[in-house]
Amino acid sequence: MSLVQRFKKNVSLLSQAAEGTIDLDYKNPKLYKKILRYYEDQGVELYDDPYDTYELIIDLLKEDLVTEGVNA
């Protein structure tokens, strides 16, 4: 299941996070934890440092949203 399919109700919020408009981990920590779990299930290894993990997640979000045609 793709990111957009899995989180279709939150695509707008994910786009804002990818653009840097909001900090997803503070704005919506429950959604951020679900996103972390989603990427862990996809085989992504997360960092021990929360800041580095957040940056990785945002980079992955950007990539996935562009791939699925949500952000250009």
C-alpha atoms as a PDB file:
ATOM      1  CA  MET A   1       0.000   0.000   0.000  1.00  0.00           C
ATOM      2  CA  SER A   2       1.412   3.373  -1.007  1.00  0.00           C
ATOM      3  CA  LEU A   3       1.861   6.308   1.335  1.00  0.00           C
ATOM      4  CA  VAL A   4      -0.989   8.290  -0.241  1.00  0.00           C
ATOM      5  CA  GLN A   5      -3.339   5.306  -0.148  1.00  0.00           C
ATOM      6  CA  ARG A   6      -2.468   4.585   3.484  1.00  0.00           C
ATOM      7  CA  PHE A   7      -2.763   8.196   4.677  1.00  0.00           C
ATOM      8  CA  LYS A   8      -5.263   9.640   2.178  1.00  0.00           C
ATOM      9  CA  LYS A   9      -7.071  11.623   4.889  1.00  0.00           C
ATOM     10  CA  ASN A  10      -3.813  13.315   5.895  1.00  0.00           C
ATOM     11  CA  VAL A  11      -2.222  14.072   2.509  1.00  0.00           C
ATOM     12  CA  SER A  12      -2.609  17.830   3.001  1.00  0.00           C
ATOM     13  CA  LEU A  13      -0.865  17.687   6.371  1.00  0.00           C
ATOM     14  CA  LEU A  14       1.894  15.470   4.959  1.00  0.00           C
ATOM     15  CA  SER A  15       2.396  17.920   2.095  1.00  0.00           C
ATOM     16  CA  GLN A  16       2.732  20.778   4.546  1.00  0.00           C
ATOM     17  CA  ALA A  17       5.325  18.811   6.508  1.00  0.00           C
ATOM     18  CA  ALA A  18       7.257  17.984   3.327  1.00  0.00           C
ATOM     19  CA  GLU A  19       7.248  21.669   2.356  1.00  0.00           C
ATOM     20  CA  GLY A  20       8.519  22.629   5.823  1.00  0.00           C
ATOM     21  CA  THR A  21       5.404  24.634   6.659  1.00  0.00           C
ATOM     22  CA  ILE A  22       4.735  22.594   9.797  1.00  0.00           C
ATOM     23  CA  ASP A  23       6.715  20.305  12.074  1.00  0.00           C
ATOM     24  CA  LEU A  24       4.768  17.076  11.918  1.00  0.00           C
ATOM     25  CA  ASP A  25       6.261  15.657  15.118  1.00  0.00           C
ATOM     26  CA  TYR A  26       4.899  18.646  17.096  1.00  0.00           C
ATOM     27  CA  LYS A  27       1.770  19.487  15.082  1.00  0.00           C
ATOM     28  CA  ASN A  28       0.451  15.919  14.994  1.00  0.00           C
ATOM     29  CA  PRO A  29       2.606  13.474  16.999  1.00  0.00           C
ATOM     30  CA  LYS A  30       0.146  10.576  16.598  1.00  0.00           C
ATOM     31  CA  LEU A  31       0.295  10.846  12.808  1.00  0.00           C
ATOM     32  CA  TYR A  32       4.089  11.174  12.957  1.00  0.00           C
ATOM     33  CA  LYS A  33       4.315   7.915  14.917  1.00  0.00           C
ATOM     34  CA  LYS A  34       2.111   6.205  12.319  1.00  0.00           C
ATOM     35  CA  ILE A  35       4.380   7.531   9.556  1.00  0.00           C
ATOM     36  CA  LEU A  36       7.424   6.221  11.443  1.00  0.00           C
ATOM     37  CA  ARG A  37       5.774   2.806  11.724  1.00  0.00           C
ATOM     38  CA  TYR A  38       4.846   2.877   8.027  1.00  0.00           C
ATOM     39  CA  TYR A  39       8.441   3.471   6.969  1.00  0.00           C
ATOM     40  CA  GLU A  40       9.794   0.931   9.447  1.00  0.00           C
ATOM     41  CA  ASP A  41       7.407  -1.616   7.913  1.00  0.00           C
ATOM     42  CA  GLN A  42       8.829  -0.637   4.500  1.00  0.00           C
ATOM     43  CA  GLY A  43      12.296  -1.645   5.747  1.00  0.00           C
ATOM     44  CA  VAL A  44      13.710   1.824   6.448  1.00  0.00           C
ATOM     45  CA  GLU A  45      16.248   1.823   9.279  1.00  0.00           C
ATOM     46  CA  LEU A  46      15.778   4.835  11.533  1.00  0.00           C
ATOM     47  CA  TYR A  47      18.501   6.712  13.406  1.00  0.00           C
ATOM     48  CA  ASP A  48      19.018   6.832  17.159  1.00  0.00           C
ATOM     49  CA  ASP A  49      18.895  10.628  17.026  1.00  0.00           C
ATOM     50  CA  PRO A  50      15.294  11.946  16.800  1.00  0.00           C
ATOM     51  CA  TYR A  51      16.416  14.987  14.762  1.00  0.00           C
ATOM     52  CA  ASP A  52      18.152  12.811  12.143  1.00  0.00           C
ATOM     53  CA  THR A  53      15.159  10.465  12.065  1.00  0.00           C
ATOM     54  CA  TYR A  54      12.795  13.388  11.469  1.00  0.00           C
ATOM     55  CA  GLU A  55      14.962  14.684   8.617  1.00  0.00           C
ATOM     56  CA  LEU A  56      15.022  11.203   7.060  1.00  0.00           C
ATOM     57  CA  ILE A  57      11.245  10.855   7.344  1.00  0.00           C
ATOM     58  CA  ILE A  58      10.674  14.267   5.758  1.00  0.00           C
ATOM     59  CA  ASP A  59      13.016  13.375   2.880  1.00  0.00           C
ATOM     60  CA  LEU A  60      11.134  10.114   2.345  1.00  0.00           C
ATOM     61  CA  LEU A  61       7.802  11.953   2.495  1.00  0.00           C
ATOM     62  CA  LYS A  62       8.959  14.429  -0.143  1.00  0.00           C
ATOM     63  CA  GLU A  63      10.135  11.632  -2.403  1.00  0.00           C
ATOM     64  CA  ASP A  64       6.961   9.580  -2.009  1.00  0.00           C
ATOM     65  CA  LEU A  65       4.632  12.538  -2.493  1.00  0.00           C
ATOM     66  CA  VAL A  66       6.443  13.600  -5.679  1.00  0.00           C
ATOM     67  CA  THR A  67       6.481  10.002  -6.959  1.00  0.00           C
ATOM     68  CA  GLU A  68       2.740   9.709  -6.395  1.00  0.00           C
ATOM     69  CA  GLY A  69       2.055  13.067  -8.044  1.00  0.00           C
ATOM     70  CA  VAL A  70       0.925  14.967  -4.968  1.00  0.00           C
ATOM     71  CA  ASN A  71       3.809  17.480  -4.800  1.00  0.00           C
ATOM     72  CA  ALA A  72       5.851  18.674  -7.728  1.00  0.00           C
END
